[in-house]
């Protein structure tokens, strides 16, 4: 038996897709090539993201580590998305998942990633340093909400299926990249991201035929995992047109930060439910905190103050400060006002619940209640 860890290649594509489909079919039928076309393609570049173990020549286990470039307020954060974690039932109990996950994290550290995301059971991945965090907002729009909010007004935008072609993708990529936070997507493969998770993207045009937004509803056409528009008002009109188009109640997912679009949608949604955004591990705490702290301040001005935080495993404490020059996070040798382990720090700083629901904040860390959760979170269309 070999426990050598290998990286897959284009020649392994068909076998790997059959393997993943078979493993995940124990819960529900899967078709990974069509489920996540942005990351599963028959090329060496795509397939080498998958670490694997063969046992007796057969694929026994796979863990994928997919690079994601996350732009937050113009600053780049390098993220490693972990997906397709799988062990064939014939090889369970041999420690292959643990071996691959530990190897994946070693590679993530060695390659200098700032943070990592994965979906899955909380306690299972806590063993590897991941904790639930991030904030997602799930807004429900009843038909009555739409009827009363617009009260017979003419529709401002029209919707049509979004073609996966160059000019359209370039136009909606420009809208996508104008957001405060977004994951970089190459223009030539932008359409694949819109179609991840069996989404069926719709293109929004105004009365002059200008493209003003888009959304990516899920397969049953009831939940939009991604909504982007050139203005908050057009975002509202896109939701209205979509609900009118299918004559159904709809849900829209909006991801951190809580900016103008969320505030406008909140004006007539039946409710807004705050949800977690998956499991996260921070590797470069100073850079990630400084970036997200600045983004939070840019989205909604924060009250002035300072908190010194110590996170187990870091050689220096972190000073979070808001003053007349802005918001920032810096390393410091000052005495910390709060000391926590990395899992607790993730929940205190990134939510989705307020910090006081995680721990009792001491007086010299009380400002965290006014600043947090910080805007950690990415669109489901970028998740793996």
Protein backbone atom coordinates (compact mmCIF):
# COMPACT_ATOMS: atom_id res chain seq x y z
CA UNK A 1 0.00 0.00 0.00
CA UNK A 2 1.31 3.43 -0.93
CA UNK A 3 0.51 6.59 0.98
CA UNK A 4 2.41 8.86 -1.38
CA UNK A 5 0.56 12.11 -2.01
CA UNK A 6 0.34 13.03 -5.67
CA UNK A 7 -1.08 15.94 -7.66
CA UNK A 8 -3.52 15.01 -10.38
CA UNK A 9 -3.15 16.00 -14.03
CA UNK A 10 -5.35 16.38 -17.09
CA UNK A 11 -5.10 12.67 -17.75
CA UNK A 12 -6.81 11.97 -14.42
CA UNK A 13 -9.84 14.14 -15.15
CA UNK A 14 -12.41 11.48 -16.10
CA UNK A 15 -11.34 9.14 -13.30
CA UNK A 16 -11.37 11.95 -10.73
CA UNK A 17 -14.84 13.15 -11.77
CA UNK A 18 -16.19 9.60 -11.56
CA UNK A 19 -14.55 9.23 -8.14
CA UNK A 20 -15.99 12.47 -6.74
CA UNK A 21 -19.43 11.76 -8.18
CA UNK A 22 -19.45 8.29 -6.64
CA UNK A 23 -18.30 9.43 -3.19
CA UNK A 24 -20.73 12.33 -2.93
CA UNK A 25 -23.58 10.26 -4.45
CA UNK A 26 -23.88 8.61 -1.03
CA UNK A 27 -25.75 11.80 -0.02
CA UNK A 28 -27.26 12.94 -3.35
CA UNK A 29 -26.49 12.56 -7.06
CA UNK A 30 -23.55 14.72 -8.16
CA UNK A 31 -21.97 15.84 -11.42
CA UNK A 32 -18.85 17.77 -10.41
CA UNK A 33 -17.84 18.78 -13.93
CA UNK A 34 -21.12 20.66 -14.34
CA UNK A 35 -21.53 21.57 -10.67
CA UNK A 36 -18.29 23.59 -10.52
CA UNK A 37 -17.10 24.29 -14.07
CA UNK A 38 -14.85 27.10 -12.82
CA UNK A 39 -12.48 24.67 -11.07
CA UNK A 40 -13.03 21.25 -12.67
CA UNK A 41 -11.64 21.29 -16.20
CA UNK A 42 -9.55 18.68 -18.08
CA UNK A 43 -6.32 20.68 -17.98
CA UNK A 44 -3.11 20.26 -16.01
CA UNK A 45 -3.55 23.75 -14.56
CA UNK A 46 -6.94 22.89 -13.07
CA UNK A 47 -6.33 19.28 -12.10
CA UNK A 48 -3.02 19.90 -10.30
CA UNK A 49 -5.05 21.71 -7.64
CA UNK A 50 -6.19 18.26 -6.48
CA UNK A 51 -4.01 16.30 -4.07
CA UNK A 52 -4.72 12.58 -4.04
CA UNK A 53 -3.71 9.18 -2.68
CA UNK A 54 -3.86 6.00 -4.69
CA UNK A 55 -4.20 2.63 -3.02
CA UNK A 56 -3.47 -0.39 -5.16
CA UNK A 57 -3.57 1.84 -8.22
CA UNK A 58 -7.07 3.11 -7.44
CA UNK A 59 -7.95 6.61 -6.37
CA UNK A 60 -8.61 6.38 -2.64
CA UNK A 61 -8.86 10.02 -1.48
CA UNK A 62 -8.83 13.57 -2.88
CA UNK A 63 -8.53 17.04 -1.37
CA UNK A 64 -8.64 20.06 -3.67
CA UNK A 65 -6.83 23.34 -2.90
CA UNK A 66 -8.01 26.03 -5.30
CA UNK A 67 -6.42 29.51 -5.43
CA UNK A 68 -8.78 32.47 -5.06
CA UNK A 69 -7.63 36.08 -5.40
CA UNK A 70 -9.91 38.17 -3.20
CA UNK A 71 -9.93 41.94 -3.69
CA UNK A 72 -11.10 43.97 -0.69
CA UNK A 73 -11.02 47.74 -1.09
CA UNK A 74 -8.41 47.31 -3.81
CA UNK A 75 -6.15 45.18 -1.58
CA UNK A 76 -5.34 41.60 -2.61
CA UNK A 77 -5.87 38.75 -0.16
CA UNK A 78 -4.69 35.34 -1.37
CA UNK A 79 -7.22 32.71 -0.38
CA UNK A 80 -7.03 28.93 -0.63
CA UNK A 81 -10.43 27.34 -1.19
CA UNK A 82 -10.58 23.72 -0.07
CA UNK A 83 -13.14 21.54 -1.78
CA UNK A 84 -13.93 18.04 -2.95
CA UNK A 85 -12.70 16.49 0.32
CA UNK A 86 -13.45 12.82 -0.27
CA UNK A 87 -12.43 9.30 0.66
CA UNK A 88 -13.82 6.25 -1.12
CA UNK A 89 -15.81 3.95 1.16
CA UNK A 90 -13.44 1.07 0.36
CA UNK A 91 -10.53 2.98 1.94
CA UNK A 92 -12.03 4.65 4.96
CA UNK A 93 -10.44 4.20 8.37
CA UNK A 94 -6.89 4.43 7.00
CA UNK A 95 -6.32 8.08 7.90
CA UNK A 96 -6.22 9.30 4.30
CA UNK A 97 -8.40 12.35 4.90
CA UNK A 98 -6.25 13.47 7.82
CA UNK A 99 -3.08 12.89 5.81
CA UNK A 100 -4.33 14.91 2.84
CA UNK A 101 -5.80 17.74 4.92
CA UNK A 102 -2.58 18.17 6.90
CA UNK A 103 -0.58 18.12 3.67
CA UNK A 104 -2.92 20.68 2.10
CA UNK A 105 -2.52 23.05 5.04
CA UNK A 106 1.27 22.65 4.95
CA UNK A 107 1.21 23.64 1.27
CA UNK A 108 -1.10 26.60 1.95
CA UNK A 109 1.31 27.88 4.60
CA UNK A 110 4.37 27.26 2.42
CA UNK A 111 2.84 29.11 -0.53
CA UNK A 112 2.02 32.17 1.57
CA UNK A 113 -1.76 32.25 1.43
CA UNK A 114 -3.42 34.81 3.71
CA UNK A 115 -6.49 32.75 4.58
CA UNK A 116 -8.45 29.66 3.62
CA UNK A 117 -12.11 28.75 3.20
CA UNK A 118 -13.97 25.44 3.14
CA UNK A 119 -17.52 24.20 3.51
CA UNK A 120 -18.45 21.26 5.71
CA UNK A 121 -19.09 20.14 9.26
CA UNK A 122 -17.74 22.53 11.87
CA UNK A 123 -16.18 20.10 14.37
CA UNK A 124 -14.72 17.89 11.64
CA UNK A 125 -12.62 20.75 10.28
CA UNK A 126 -11.88 22.39 13.63
CA UNK A 127 -9.29 19.62 14.06
CA UNK A 128 -7.40 21.26 11.19
CA UNK A 129 -7.71 24.83 12.48
CA UNK A 130 -10.93 25.93 10.75
CA UNK A 131 -13.84 27.67 12.46
CA UNK A 132 -17.23 28.89 11.31
CA UNK A 133 -17.30 32.58 10.54
CA UNK A 134 -18.22 35.29 8.05
CA UNK A 135 -21.59 36.91 7.53
CA UNK A 136 -24.17 36.24 4.86
CA UNK A 137 -27.56 37.92 4.68
CA UNK A 138 -30.53 35.94 3.38
CA UNK A 139 -33.37 38.26 2.35
CA UNK A 140 -36.88 36.93 1.69
CA UNK A 141 -39.17 38.78 -0.72
CA UNK A 142 -42.82 37.77 -0.75
CA UNK A 143 -45.04 38.63 -3.70
CA UNK A 144 -46.89 40.98 -1.33
CA UNK A 145 -43.62 42.77 -0.53
CA UNK A 146 -43.12 43.43 -4.23
CA UNK A 147 -46.75 44.47 -4.81
CA UNK A 148 -46.87 46.97 -1.95
CA UNK A 149 -43.36 48.35 -2.47
CA UNK A 150 -43.94 49.25 -6.12
CA UNK A 151 -47.74 49.67 -6.15
CA UNK A 152 -48.30 49.50 -9.90
CA UNK A 153 -45.17 51.40 -10.95
CA UNK A 154 -43.77 50.50 -14.37
CA UNK A 155 -40.87 48.08 -14.35
CA UNK A 156 -37.51 49.75 -14.86
CA UNK A 157 -35.45 46.74 -15.97
CA UNK A 158 -36.05 43.60 -18.01
CA UNK A 159 -34.39 40.23 -17.51
CA UNK A 160 -33.17 37.70 -20.02
CA UNK A 161 -30.99 34.58 -19.84
CA UNK A 162 -27.36 35.73 -19.78
CA UNK A 163 -25.44 34.39 -22.79
CA UNK A 164 -21.97 33.04 -22.09
CA UNK A 165 -20.23 35.20 -24.67
CA UNK A 166 -17.36 37.67 -24.61
CA UNK A 167 -19.11 41.05 -24.82
CA UNK A 168 -21.72 40.18 -22.19
CA UNK A 169 -19.14 38.71 -19.83
CA UNK A 170 -16.93 41.79 -20.19
CA UNK A 171 -19.86 44.10 -19.38
CA UNK A 172 -21.00 42.25 -16.28
CA UNK A 173 -17.43 41.64 -15.11
CA UNK A 174 -17.00 45.43 -15.03
CA UNK A 175 -20.05 45.69 -12.73
CA UNK A 176 -18.78 42.79 -10.61
CA UNK A 177 -15.31 44.33 -10.23
CA UNK A 178 -16.75 47.69 -9.14
CA UNK A 179 -17.81 46.14 -5.81
CA UNK A 180 -15.91 46.91 -2.61
CA UNK A 181 -15.17 43.18 -2.26
CA UNK A 182 -14.98 40.59 -5.01
CA UNK A 183 -13.04 37.53 -6.11
CA UNK A 184 -11.07 37.96 -9.31
CA UNK A 185 -12.42 36.02 -12.27
CA UNK A 186 -10.72 35.94 -15.68
CA UNK A 187 -12.98 37.50 -18.30
CA UNK A 188 -12.63 34.49 -20.61
CA UNK A 189 -13.99 32.16 -17.91
CA UNK A 190 -16.30 34.62 -16.11
CA UNK A 191 -19.40 32.83 -17.38
CA UNK A 192 -18.35 29.59 -15.69
CA UNK A 193 -18.46 31.24 -12.27
CA UNK A 194 -21.99 32.50 -12.89
CA UNK A 195 -23.01 28.92 -13.65
CA UNK A 196 -21.37 27.24 -10.65
CA UNK A 197 -23.76 25.30 -8.42
CA UNK A 198 -26.14 24.82 -11.39
CA UNK A 199 -27.02 28.52 -11.36
CA UNK A 200 -28.90 30.00 -14.30
CA UNK A 201 -27.74 33.63 -14.66
CA UNK A 202 -30.08 36.38 -15.78
CA UNK A 203 -29.00 39.63 -17.41
CA UNK A 204 -30.70 42.93 -16.50
CA UNK A 205 -31.15 45.76 -19.03
CA UNK A 206 -32.71 49.18 -18.53
CA UNK A 207 -35.09 50.87 -20.96
CA UNK A 208 -32.19 52.06 -23.11
CA UNK A 209 -31.03 48.43 -23.45
CA UNK A 210 -27.95 49.13 -21.29
CA UNK A 211 -26.73 46.24 -19.13
CA UNK A 212 -27.26 47.41 -15.53
CA UNK A 213 -26.87 44.18 -13.55
CA UNK A 214 -27.29 40.45 -13.30
CA UNK A 215 -28.18 37.73 -10.84
CA UNK A 216 -27.42 34.03 -10.55
CA UNK A 217 -30.47 32.10 -9.32
CA UNK A 218 -30.01 28.53 -8.18
CA UNK A 219 -31.34 25.51 -10.03
CA UNK A 220 -34.91 25.81 -8.71
CA UNK A 221 -34.90 29.55 -9.56
CA UNK A 222 -35.87 30.63 -6.04
CA UNK A 223 -32.57 31.73 -4.43
CA UNK A 224 -30.13 34.21 -6.00
CA UNK A 225 -26.62 33.40 -4.81
CA UNK A 226 -25.23 36.54 -6.45
CA UNK A 227 -26.84 39.88 -7.26
CA UNK A 228 -24.84 42.72 -8.82
CA UNK A 229 -26.09 46.02 -10.23
CA UNK A 230 -24.69 49.42 -11.10
CA UNK A 231 -26.79 51.17 -8.43
CA UNK A 232 -28.69 50.07 -5.30
CA UNK A 233 -31.94 51.17 -6.96
CA UNK A 234 -31.30 48.97 -9.97
CA UNK A 235 -30.47 46.07 -7.63
CA UNK A 236 -33.97 46.51 -6.17
CA UNK A 237 -35.48 46.62 -9.65
CA UNK A 238 -33.65 43.41 -10.60
CA UNK A 239 -35.20 41.60 -7.61
CA UNK A 240 -38.62 42.97 -8.51
CA UNK A 241 -38.30 41.91 -12.16
CA UNK A 242 -37.12 38.45 -11.15
CA UNK A 243 -40.00 37.89 -8.72
CA UNK A 244 -42.46 39.17 -11.32
CA UNK A 245 -40.89 36.97 -13.99
CA UNK A 246 -41.43 33.73 -12.08
CA UNK A 247 -44.42 34.95 -10.00
CA UNK A 248 -42.89 33.45 -6.88
CA UNK A 249 -41.45 34.33 -3.49
CA UNK A 250 -37.66 34.69 -3.86
CA UNK A 251 -34.58 34.81 -1.65
CA UNK A 252 -31.49 36.91 -2.30
CA UNK A 253 -28.11 36.25 -0.68
CA UNK A 254 -26.02 39.34 0.06
CA UNK A 255 -22.51 38.97 1.41
CA UNK A 256 -20.47 41.23 3.63
CA UNK A 257 -20.04 44.12 3.93
CA UNK A 258 -23.43 45.59 4.81
CA UNK A 259 -23.43 48.33 2.19
CA UNK A 260 -25.93 50.41 0.20
CA UNK A 261 -27.43 47.47 -1.71
CA UNK A 262 -28.27 45.55 1.47
CA UNK A 263 -29.70 48.68 3.11
CA UNK A 264 -31.93 49.37 0.11
CA UNK A 265 -33.16 45.77 -0.14
CA UNK A 266 -33.86 45.77 3.59
CA UNK A 267 -36.41 48.52 3.07
CA UNK A 268 -39.00 46.10 1.72
CA UNK A 269 -37.82 42.51 2.31
CA UNK A 270 -40.13 40.48 4.55
CA UNK A 271 -37.14 39.54 6.69
CA UNK A 272 -33.36 39.41 6.68
CA UNK A 273 -31.74 36.34 8.20
CA UNK A 274 -28.08 36.48 9.22
CA UNK A 275 -26.21 33.28 8.37
CA UNK A 276 -22.66 31.99 8.61
CA UNK A 277 -20.43 31.96 5.56
CA UNK A 278 -18.62 28.64 6.01
CA UNK A 279 -15.41 27.60 7.78
CA UNK A 280 -12.30 29.77 7.78
CA UNK A 281 -8.68 29.72 8.82
CA UNK A 282 -6.56 32.87 8.94
CA UNK A 283 -2.84 32.47 8.27
CA UNK A 284 -1.77 36.12 7.96
CA UNK A 285 -3.71 37.75 10.78
CA UNK A 286 -2.20 41.28 10.53
CA UNK A 287 -2.81 41.59 6.79
CA UNK A 288 -6.32 40.09 6.85
CA UNK A 289 -7.45 42.13 9.85
CA UNK A 290 -5.99 45.37 8.52
CA UNK A 291 -7.69 44.87 5.16
CA UNK A 292 -11.11 43.94 6.52
CA UNK A 293 -10.97 46.60 9.24
CA UNK A 294 -10.37 49.25 6.58
CA UNK A 295 -13.21 47.84 4.46
CA UNK A 296 -15.58 47.96 7.41
CA UNK A 297 -14.67 51.59 8.05
CA UNK A 298 -15.15 52.42 4.36
CA UNK A 299 -18.58 50.82 4.34
CA UNK A 300 -19.82 52.46 7.55
CA UNK A 301 -17.72 54.86 9.62
CA UNK A 302 -16.59 53.23 12.88
CA UNK A 303 -16.37 54.98 16.26
CA UNK A 304 -12.84 55.90 17.40
CA UNK A 305 -10.99 53.70 19.84
CA UNK A 306 -8.26 51.12 20.24
CA UNK A 307 -8.09 47.44 21.24
CA UNK A 308 -4.98 45.30 21.69
CA UNK A 309 -5.66 41.66 20.93
CA UNK A 310 -3.45 38.62 21.53
CA UNK A 311 -4.12 35.45 19.52
CA UNK A 312 -2.46 32.24 20.64
CA UNK A 313 0.30 31.23 18.26
CA UNK A 314 1.18 34.75 17.13
CA UNK A 315 4.52 36.16 18.24
CA UNK A 316 3.10 39.68 18.69
CA UNK A 317 -0.21 41.16 19.72
CA UNK A 318 -2.38 43.07 17.27
CA UNK A 319 -3.50 46.65 17.79
CA UNK A 320 -6.78 47.64 16.14
CA UNK A 321 -7.26 51.41 16.02
CA UNK A 322 -9.79 53.85 14.62
CA UNK A 323 -8.83 57.53 14.69
CA UNK A 324 -8.90 60.59 12.46
CA UNK A 325 -6.51 58.91 10.00
CA UNK A 326 -8.78 55.89 9.51
CA UNK A 327 -8.87 52.26 10.65
CA UNK A 328 -5.83 49.99 10.85
CA UNK A 329 -4.38 46.85 12.40
CA UNK A 330 -0.70 46.75 13.39
CA UNK A 331 1.53 44.41 15.36
CA UNK A 332 2.49 45.66 18.80
CA UNK A 333 4.31 44.69 21.98
CA UNK A 334 1.68 46.43 24.14
CA UNK A 335 -0.15 44.51 26.85
CA UNK A 336 -3.26 42.91 25.31
CA UNK A 337 -6.73 43.74 26.53
CA UNK A 338 -8.03 40.42 25.27
CA UNK A 339 -6.29 37.05 24.75
CA UNK A 340 -8.02 34.29 22.80
CA UNK A 341 -7.21 31.21 20.73
CA UNK A 342 -7.49 31.40 16.95
CA UNK A 343 -10.89 29.68 16.74
CA UNK A 344 -12.42 32.06 19.26
CA UNK A 345 -10.77 35.01 17.51
CA UNK A 346 -12.41 33.97 14.25
CA UNK A 347 -15.89 34.02 15.81
CA UNK A 348 -15.29 37.22 17.81
CA UNK A 349 -13.93 39.18 14.87
CA UNK A 350 -15.83 37.74 11.92
CA UNK A 351 -19.18 36.61 13.31
CA UNK A 352 -21.73 36.02 12.06
CA UNK A 353 -23.04 36.77 15.56
CA UNK A 354 -21.93 39.84 17.57
CA UNK A 355 -18.78 39.37 19.71
CA UNK A 356 -20.76 39.45 22.98
CA UNK A 357 -22.51 36.22 21.94
CA UNK A 358 -19.11 34.51 21.77
CA UNK A 359 -17.35 35.79 24.90
CA UNK A 360 -17.81 38.39 27.61
CA UNK A 361 -15.75 41.34 26.43
CA UNK A 362 -13.55 43.07 29.03
CA UNK A 363 -13.74 46.85 29.26
CA UNK A 364 -10.50 47.40 27.35
CA UNK A 365 -11.81 45.31 24.44
CA UNK A 366 -15.39 46.60 24.50
CA UNK A 367 -14.94 48.53 21.23
CA UNK A 368 -15.02 45.22 19.37
CA UNK A 369 -18.77 45.18 19.95
CA UNK A 370 -19.08 48.36 17.87
CA UNK A 371 -16.66 47.25 15.14
CA UNK A 372 -17.43 43.58 14.58
CA UNK A 373 -18.28 41.35 12.81
CA UNK A 374 -15.73 42.44 10.22
CA UNK A 375 -16.77 41.84 6.58
CA UNK A 376 -15.40 38.37 5.91
CA UNK A 377 -17.30 36.50 3.21
CA UNK A 378 -17.35 35.68 -0.49
CA UNK A 379 -20.05 34.92 -3.02
CA UNK A 380 -21.21 31.28 -3.23
CA UNK A 381 -20.34 31.46 -6.93
CA UNK A 382 -16.66 31.60 -5.90
CA UNK A 383 -16.86 28.80 -3.34
CA UNK A 384 -15.55 25.32 -4.11
